[in-house]
Amino acid sequence: MSKEKPSYNMFIVLILQLIFLVLKIKGYIDWGWLWVVSPLWLYVLSVFMVSTVITLSMFFSIRKYITKRIKREKDKQLKFPFGE
């Protein structure tokens, strides 16, 4: 069995979120709720951005591979085995 390392990024986000939440409930900060939950939004946004970049890079690399493959197949079809 392989041991997986825990995600410290999510742990830091949750701790920061908990701190902001406690400070807001206790009245030590007078922020809007949008800013109190901002660590979660930033984490979700970063995951979305990374997954978008990965998806786009995969799409363009597959597109490039398919385009090269089609060009190669067309070049094979244009060659006449017995000449003209």
Protein backbone atom coordinates (compact mmCIF):
# COMPACT_ATOMS: atom_id res chain seq x y z
CA MET A 1 0.00 0.00 0.00
CA SER A 2 1.18 3.47 -0.80
CA LYS A 3 1.00 6.17 1.81
CA GLU A 4 -0.56 9.37 0.56
CA LYS A 5 0.66 12.69 1.90
CA PRO A 6 -2.03 14.91 3.43
CA SER A 7 -2.97 18.11 1.63
CA TYR A 8 -1.52 20.89 3.75
CA ASN A 9 -2.93 23.56 1.44
CA MET A 10 -6.50 22.63 2.32
CA PHE A 11 -5.55 22.37 6.01
CA ILE A 12 -4.16 25.93 5.97
CA VAL A 13 -7.28 27.21 4.20
CA LEU A 14 -9.56 25.54 6.74
CA ILE A 15 -7.59 26.88 9.70
CA LEU A 16 -7.65 30.39 8.22
CA GLN A 17 -11.37 30.05 7.53
CA LEU A 18 -12.00 28.93 11.10
CA ILE A 19 -9.98 31.86 12.48
CA PHE A 20 -11.91 34.38 10.36
CA LEU A 21 -15.22 32.79 11.36
CA VAL A 22 -14.45 32.90 15.08
CA LEU A 23 -13.21 36.49 14.85
CA LYS A 24 -16.39 37.51 12.99
CA ILE A 25 -18.72 35.75 15.44
CA LYS A 26 -16.90 37.19 18.47
CA GLY A 27 -17.09 40.68 16.94
CA TYR A 28 -13.35 41.34 16.72
CA ILE A 29 -13.55 42.08 13.00
CA ASP A 30 -16.22 44.02 11.18
CA TRP A 31 -15.81 42.47 7.75
CA GLY A 32 -18.56 41.43 5.41
CA TRP A 33 -19.31 37.71 5.12
CA LEU A 34 -17.82 37.70 1.62
CA TRP A 35 -14.41 38.50 3.10
CA VAL A 36 -14.86 36.08 6.00
CA VAL A 37 -15.37 33.15 3.61
CA SER A 38 -12.74 34.42 1.15
CA PRO A 39 -10.20 31.65 1.95
CA LEU A 40 -12.68 29.07 0.67
CA TRP A 41 -13.44 31.11 -2.45
CA LEU A 42 -9.74 31.56 -3.17
CA TYR A 43 -9.12 27.83 -2.79
CA VAL A 44 -12.04 26.96 -5.09
CA LEU A 45 -10.90 29.57 -7.61
CA SER A 46 -7.33 28.26 -7.62
CA VAL A 47 -8.51 24.66 -8.11
CA PHE A 48 -10.74 25.83 -10.96
CA MET A 49 -7.91 27.75 -12.62
CA VAL A 50 -5.46 24.85 -12.37
CA SER A 51 -8.00 22.38 -13.75
CA THR A 52 -8.83 24.78 -16.60
CA VAL A 53 -5.16 25.12 -17.54
CA ILE A 54 -4.66 21.35 -17.44
CA THR A 55 -7.78 20.74 -19.53
CA LEU A 56 -6.82 23.34 -22.14
CA SER A 57 -3.27 22.04 -22.41
CA MET A 58 -4.54 18.49 -22.89
CA PHE A 59 -7.05 19.67 -25.50
CA PHE A 60 -4.45 21.54 -27.54
CA SER A 61 -1.88 18.73 -27.34
CA ILE A 62 -4.46 16.17 -28.49
CA ARG A 63 -5.59 18.55 -31.23
CA LYS A 64 -1.99 18.97 -32.41
CA TYR A 65 -1.46 15.19 -32.40
CA ILE A 66 -4.65 14.57 -34.41
CA THR A 67 -3.77 17.31 -36.89
CA LYS A 68 -0.31 15.79 -37.47
CA ARG A 69 -1.84 12.34 -37.85
CA ILE A 70 -4.38 13.55 -40.43
CA LYS A 71 -1.63 15.35 -42.38
CA ARG A 72 0.49 12.19 -42.38
CA GLU A 73 -2.44 10.12 -43.65
CA LYS A 74 -3.14 12.66 -46.43
CA ASP A 75 0.54 12.59 -47.44
CA LYS A 76 0.40 8.79 -47.68
CA GLN A 77 -2.69 8.93 -49.87
CA LEU A 78 -1.11 11.43 -52.28
CA LYS A 79 1.84 9.18 -53.10
CA PHE A 80 1.13 6.97 -56.07
CA PRO A 81 2.80 3.56 -55.84
CA PHE A 82 3.05 3.09 -59.65
CA GLY A 83 3.71 6.69 -60.67
CA GLU A 84 1.50 8.77 -62.94
